[in-house]
Amino acid sequence: MVTRHIFTYGKMIKFSHTIFALPFALSAVLLALREHPVSSAWPVLWIVLAMVGARSAAMGFNRIVDARFDAKNPRTAGREIPAGKISLLSATLFVGLSSALFVFSAAMLNPLCFYFSFPVLVLLLSYSFTKRFTMFCHLYLGFVISLAPLGAWMAVTGEFSWRIVFLSAALLTYIAGFDIIYACQDTTFDRDTGLFSMPARIGTRASLHLSSLLHVFSTAAFVALLFVFDLNVVYLITVIMIATLYVIEHAVARPNRPEAIQMAFFNINGIISILLFCGIAADLMVEKWL
């Protein structure tokens, strides 16, 4: 019974999607540890718990405020709240507990992370309303998620560094780009209900072009990391592989083929984030050996 409930809540917030941002945060941890070694694994644990709490709160809140739209959309009518598998009260309690986990984990890291956890939580939750008034909601989503590497860096070092902004910029454009692709599935529904997704406002063709441009910027930000953190050839090879995956993603994604969008969204994007983390980890390991 407990396992089934956990699985249901995990489906509500699409827990598997944590794979998109978490590797970026852990990549920031690796870069921070390179310059600020720590003697304990606790900071990494609290960073992971903060990420889980923040994302769970944001996704749970999104499901609550979008429940009436999800119920009308054939693609999303089977989601847990409109389908009656999770009540609004239970979902609200879940969001509250997830928010508490995020704030508590931030407090366990350092005072700077604790103080910033409150405005960050507001930004995360406010994303759910942006689709109601601006087609730049995808960029806003990318922005709030892009705070993860910055927060992870500050958790380890206790200070801000302009260099980590390039990793946040790469994440921002990575997320915004594939969120636009994902939104192509609901172009007609969003247009009919007055929602402001990019495809609904400017069309799927123009939206996919913009998504491609965002992923060009993402690749450029990845390249910039090579220089600002003085990384090596292993990381460079990783960036070339990521750029290749971006090309494949946009070759595959077609607005009239939902299965192709699903493959681009879930499979290729998941590979990109994991590849980034593995590439940075391998690059730093080779650097130590040499």
Protein backbone atom coordinates (compact mmCIF):
# COMPACT_ATOMS: atom_id res chain seq x y z
CA MET A 1 0.00 0.00 0.00
CA VAL A 2 2.72 2.49 1.00
CA THR A 3 4.75 1.60 -2.08
CA ARG A 4 1.73 2.21 -4.31
CA HIS A 5 1.14 5.64 -2.75
CA ILE A 6 4.79 6.59 -3.21
CA PHE A 7 4.62 5.49 -6.84
CA THR A 8 1.44 7.54 -7.38
CA TYR A 9 2.97 10.71 -5.96
CA GLY A 10 6.12 10.04 -7.95
CA LYS A 11 4.03 9.87 -11.11
CA MET A 12 2.20 13.09 -10.20
CA ILE A 13 5.44 15.07 -10.05
CA LYS A 14 7.15 12.99 -12.76
CA PHE A 15 10.00 12.19 -10.37
CA SER A 16 11.97 10.62 -13.22
CA HIS A 17 12.31 14.11 -14.75
CA THR A 18 14.66 15.02 -11.89
CA ILE A 19 17.31 13.53 -14.17
CA PHE A 20 17.24 16.70 -16.29
CA ALA A 21 18.46 19.21 -13.69
CA LEU A 22 20.11 17.11 -10.97
CA PRO A 23 23.20 16.18 -13.05
CA PHE A 24 23.77 19.90 -13.70
CA ALA A 25 23.68 20.61 -9.96
CA LEU A 26 26.03 17.70 -9.27
CA SER A 27 28.33 18.96 -12.03
CA ALA A 28 28.49 22.27 -10.18
CA VAL A 29 29.36 20.34 -7.03
CA LEU A 30 32.27 18.62 -8.80
CA LEU A 31 33.61 21.94 -10.08
CA ALA A 32 33.25 23.50 -6.63
CA LEU A 33 34.95 20.57 -4.87
CA ARG A 34 37.87 20.93 -7.25
CA GLU A 35 38.65 24.28 -5.61
CA HIS A 36 36.98 23.90 -2.21
CA PRO A 37 37.42 20.30 -0.99
CA VAL A 38 35.18 19.17 1.87
CA SER A 39 35.89 16.46 4.41
CA SER A 40 32.35 15.09 4.56
CA ALA A 41 29.73 13.78 2.14
CA TRP A 42 26.94 15.54 4.03
CA PRO A 43 26.87 18.67 1.82
CA VAL A 44 26.29 16.52 -1.26
CA LEU A 45 23.46 14.67 0.49
CA TRP A 46 21.78 17.92 1.55
CA ILE A 47 22.15 19.32 -1.98
CA VAL A 48 20.41 16.26 -3.42
CA LEU A 49 17.63 16.48 -0.81
CA ALA A 50 17.22 20.20 -1.50
CA MET A 51 16.91 19.46 -5.22
CA VAL A 52 14.33 16.74 -4.61
CA GLY A 53 12.34 18.96 -2.25
CA ALA A 54 12.40 22.00 -4.53
CA ARG A 55 11.41 20.12 -7.66
CA SER A 56 8.71 18.09 -5.88
CA ALA A 57 7.19 21.27 -4.45
CA ALA A 58 7.24 23.04 -7.81
CA MET A 59 5.76 20.11 -9.77
CA GLY A 60 3.16 19.36 -7.11
CA PHE A 61 2.06 23.00 -7.05
CA ASN A 62 1.92 23.03 -10.84
CA ARG A 63 -0.35 20.00 -10.83
CA ILE A 64 -2.67 21.70 -8.32
CA VAL A 65 -3.07 25.02 -10.13
CA ASP A 66 -3.30 23.35 -13.56
CA ALA A 67 -5.76 20.63 -12.49
CA ARG A 68 -8.72 22.22 -14.29
CA PHE A 69 -6.76 22.56 -17.53
CA ASP A 70 -5.39 19.02 -17.22
CA ALA A 71 -8.93 17.68 -16.82
CA LYS A 72 -9.98 19.24 -20.15
CA ASN A 73 -6.91 18.16 -22.11
CA PRO A 74 -7.19 14.58 -23.48
CA ARG A 75 -3.40 14.16 -23.18
CA THR A 76 -3.37 15.04 -19.46
CA ALA A 77 -6.84 14.03 -18.25
CA GLY A 78 -5.39 10.85 -16.78
CA ARG A 79 -3.02 12.69 -14.47
CA GLU A 80 -3.37 11.88 -10.80
CA ILE A 81 -5.40 14.90 -9.61
CA PRO A 82 -7.98 15.15 -12.45
CA ALA A 83 -8.28 11.34 -12.44
CA GLY A 84 -9.09 11.40 -8.70
CA LYS A 85 -6.07 9.32 -7.66
CA ILE A 86 -4.77 12.15 -5.44
CA SER A 87 -7.00 14.73 -3.76
CA LEU A 88 -6.26 18.44 -3.82
CA LEU A 89 -5.83 18.37 -0.04
CA SER A 90 -3.28 15.54 -0.23
CA ALA A 91 -1.42 17.29 -3.04
CA THR A 92 -1.33 20.52 -1.03
CA LEU A 93 0.08 18.68 1.98
CA PHE A 94 2.67 17.08 -0.30
CA VAL A 95 3.74 20.50 -1.61
CA GLY A 96 4.02 21.83 1.95
CA LEU A 97 6.21 18.93 3.07
CA SER A 98 8.37 19.17 -0.05
CA SER A 99 8.84 22.90 0.51
CA ALA A 100 9.82 22.24 4.12
CA LEU A 101 12.36 19.64 2.96
CA PHE A 102 13.89 22.18 0.58
CA VAL A 103 14.18 24.94 3.19
CA PHE A 104 15.48 22.58 5.88
CA SER A 105 18.09 21.09 3.54
CA ALA A 106 19.21 24.59 2.56
CA ALA A 107 19.52 25.50 6.23
CA MET A 108 21.71 22.45 6.82
CA LEU A 109 24.10 23.65 4.12
CA ASN A 110 24.90 27.21 5.19
CA PRO A 111 23.14 30.49 6.14
CA LEU A 112 23.47 31.88 2.60
CA CYS A 113 21.58 28.94 1.11
CA PHE A 114 18.94 29.18 3.85
CA TYR A 115 18.27 32.88 3.23
CA PHE A 116 18.03 32.38 -0.53
CA SER A 117 15.78 29.32 -0.23
CA PHE A 118 12.69 31.48 0.38
CA PRO A 119 12.85 33.71 -2.73
CA VAL A 120 13.93 30.70 -4.79
CA LEU A 121 10.87 28.76 -3.59
CA VAL A 122 8.62 31.67 -4.58
CA LEU A 123 10.20 31.75 -8.04
CA LEU A 124 9.76 27.99 -8.44
CA LEU A 125 6.09 28.05 -7.48
CA SER A 126 5.28 31.17 -9.50
CA TYR A 127 6.26 29.44 -12.74
CA SER A 128 2.92 27.65 -12.69
CA PHE A 129 1.09 30.91 -13.46
CA THR A 130 3.30 32.21 -16.28
CA LYS A 131 1.60 30.20 -19.04
CA ARG A 132 -1.53 32.24 -18.32
CA PHE A 133 -0.05 35.56 -19.43
CA THR A 134 3.24 35.19 -21.35
CA MET A 135 4.61 33.01 -24.13
CA PHE A 136 8.02 33.33 -22.50
CA CYS A 137 6.91 30.86 -19.82
CA HIS A 138 9.43 28.34 -21.20
CA LEU A 139 12.29 30.76 -20.62
CA TYR A 140 11.03 31.46 -17.12
CA LEU A 141 10.98 27.73 -16.41
CA GLY A 142 14.54 27.49 -17.69
CA PHE A 143 15.55 30.41 -15.49
CA VAL A 144 14.17 29.03 -12.23
CA ILE A 145 15.67 25.59 -12.87
CA SER A 146 18.98 27.19 -13.85
CA LEU A 147 19.35 28.38 -10.25
CA ALA A 148 20.21 24.77 -9.29
CA PRO A 149 23.91 24.83 -10.31
CA LEU A 150 24.32 28.26 -8.74
CA GLY A 151 22.76 27.03 -5.51
CA ALA A 152 24.91 23.89 -5.50
CA TRP A 153 28.04 25.98 -6.01
CA MET A 154 27.10 28.30 -3.13
CA ALA A 155 26.31 25.29 -0.95
CA VAL A 156 29.86 23.99 -1.32
CA THR A 157 31.82 27.25 -1.46
CA GLY A 158 29.62 29.58 0.60
CA GLU A 159 30.00 32.32 -2.00
CA PHE A 160 28.97 33.42 -5.50
CA SER A 161 31.21 33.06 -8.55
CA TRP A 162 30.49 34.52 -12.00
CA ARG A 163 32.02 31.42 -13.62
CA ILE A 164 29.23 29.10 -12.54
CA VAL A 165 26.76 31.38 -14.35
CA PHE A 166 27.86 29.74 -17.61
CA LEU A 167 26.65 26.36 -16.35
CA SER A 168 23.37 27.97 -15.26
CA ALA A 169 23.05 29.59 -18.70
CA ALA A 170 23.61 26.21 -20.36
CA LEU A 171 20.88 24.69 -18.19
CA LEU A 172 18.48 27.61 -18.78
CA THR A 173 18.66 27.29 -22.57
CA TYR A 174 18.70 23.49 -22.43
CA ILE A 175 15.47 23.40 -20.37
CA ALA A 176 13.70 26.20 -22.26
CA GLY A 177 14.59 24.66 -25.61
CA PHE A 178 13.18 21.23 -24.93
CA ASP A 179 10.18 22.60 -23.01
CA ILE A 180 9.18 24.43 -26.20
CA ILE A 181 9.44 21.13 -28.09
CA TYR A 182 7.31 19.42 -25.43
CA ALA A 183 4.67 22.18 -25.62
CA CYS A 184 4.16 21.46 -29.33
CA GLN A 185 2.00 18.51 -28.27
CA ASP A 186 -0.64 20.89 -26.86
CA THR A 187 -0.58 23.65 -29.48
CA THR A 188 -4.25 23.37 -30.41
CA PHE A 189 -5.46 22.92 -26.83
CA ASP A 190 -3.42 25.87 -25.53
CA ARG A 191 -4.67 28.08 -28.36
CA ASP A 192 -8.31 27.11 -27.78
CA THR A 193 -8.11 27.67 -24.01
CA GLY A 194 -6.18 30.95 -24.22
CA LEU A 195 -2.94 29.69 -22.73
CA PHE A 196 0.29 31.42 -23.73
CA SER A 197 2.65 28.65 -24.76
CA MET A 198 5.13 29.56 -27.47
CA PRO A 199 3.70 27.13 -30.06
CA ALA A 200 0.17 28.41 -29.42
CA ARG A 201 1.25 32.02 -29.97
CA ILE A 202 3.76 31.89 -32.82
CA GLY A 203 3.15 28.43 -34.30
CA THR A 204 5.05 25.18 -34.07
CA ARG A 205 7.47 25.84 -36.93
CA ALA A 206 8.71 29.15 -35.51
CA SER A 207 8.80 27.64 -32.01
CA LEU A 208 11.01 24.77 -33.15
CA HIS A 209 13.35 27.25 -34.82
CA LEU A 210 13.57 29.19 -31.56
CA SER A 211 14.21 25.96 -29.66
CA SER A 212 17.08 25.18 -32.02
CA LEU A 213 18.54 28.64 -31.40
CA LEU A 214 18.32 28.17 -27.64
CA HIS A 215 20.24 24.92 -27.92
CA VAL A 216 22.91 26.69 -29.97
CA PHE A 217 23.28 29.12 -27.05
CA SER A 218 23.36 26.15 -24.67
CA THR A 219 26.21 24.60 -26.63
CA ALA A 220 28.07 27.92 -26.58
CA ALA A 221 27.70 28.07 -22.79
CA PHE A 222 29.08 24.54 -22.51
CA VAL A 223 32.07 25.60 -24.61
CA ALA A 224 32.60 28.63 -22.37
CA LEU A 225 32.89 26.33 -19.36
CA LEU A 226 35.91 24.74 -21.01
CA PHE A 227 37.78 28.01 -20.71
CA VAL A 228 36.49 29.57 -17.48
CA PHE A 229 37.16 26.38 -15.51
CA ASP A 230 40.25 25.39 -17.48
CA LEU A 231 38.89 21.97 -18.36
CA ASN A 232 40.56 19.49 -20.70
CA VAL A 233 40.07 17.35 -23.78
CA VAL A 234 37.70 14.84 -22.15
CA TYR A 235 35.25 17.64 -21.46
CA LEU A 236 35.69 19.01 -24.98
CA ILE A 237 34.76 15.60 -26.42
CA THR A 238 31.73 15.60 -24.12
CA VAL A 239 30.57 18.97 -25.49
CA ILE A 240 30.93 17.70 -29.06
CA MET A 241 28.77 14.68 -28.14
CA ILE A 242 26.16 16.94 -26.51
CA ALA A 243 26.07 19.18 -29.61
CA THR A 244 25.54 16.07 -31.74
CA LEU A 245 22.64 14.98 -29.53
CA TYR A 246 21.07 18.43 -29.91
CA VAL A 247 21.22 18.03 -33.69
CA ILE A 248 19.63 14.58 -33.46
CA GLU A 249 16.94 15.89 -31.12
CA HIS A 250 15.86 18.58 -33.56
CA ALA A 251 16.05 16.21 -36.50
CA VAL A 252 13.71 13.81 -34.70
CA ALA A 253 11.20 16.26 -33.15
CA ARG A 254 8.14 16.80 -35.31
CA PRO A 255 4.99 18.53 -33.98
CA ASN A 256 2.71 16.12 -35.85
CA ARG A 257 4.48 13.07 -34.38
CA PRO A 258 3.85 12.89 -30.60
CA GLU A 259 5.94 9.73 -30.26
CA ALA A 260 8.93 11.54 -31.76
CA ILE A 261 8.50 14.44 -29.32
CA GLN A 262 8.31 11.99 -26.43
CA MET A 263 11.53 10.31 -27.58
CA ALA A 264 13.31 13.64 -27.97
CA PHE A 265 12.04 14.86 -24.59
CA PHE A 266 12.62 11.81 -22.41
CA ASN A 267 15.43 9.88 -24.04
CA ILE A 268 17.77 12.35 -25.71
CA ASN A 269 17.48 15.06 -23.07
CA GLY A 270 18.11 12.60 -20.27
CA ILE A 271 21.25 11.41 -22.02
CA ILE A 272 22.51 14.99 -22.41
CA SER A 273 22.33 15.81 -18.70
CA ILE A 274 23.92 12.53 -17.60
CA LEU A 275 26.59 12.83 -20.29
CA LEU A 276 27.50 16.30 -19.00
CA PHE A 277 28.00 15.05 -15.44
CA CYS A 278 29.99 12.00 -16.56
CA GLY A 279 32.10 14.13 -18.87
CA ILE A 280 33.03 16.62 -16.17
CA ALA A 281 33.70 13.83 -13.67
CA ALA A 282 35.91 11.97 -16.14
CA ASP A 283 37.75 15.16 -17.11
CA LEU A 284 38.55 15.97 -13.47
CA MET A 285 39.68 12.39 -12.83
CA VAL A 286 42.03 12.44 -15.83
CA GLU A 287 43.35 15.80 -14.65
CA LYS A 288 44.28 14.26 -11.28
CA TRP A 289 46.01 11.30 -12.93
CA LEU A 290 48.06 13.61 -15.13
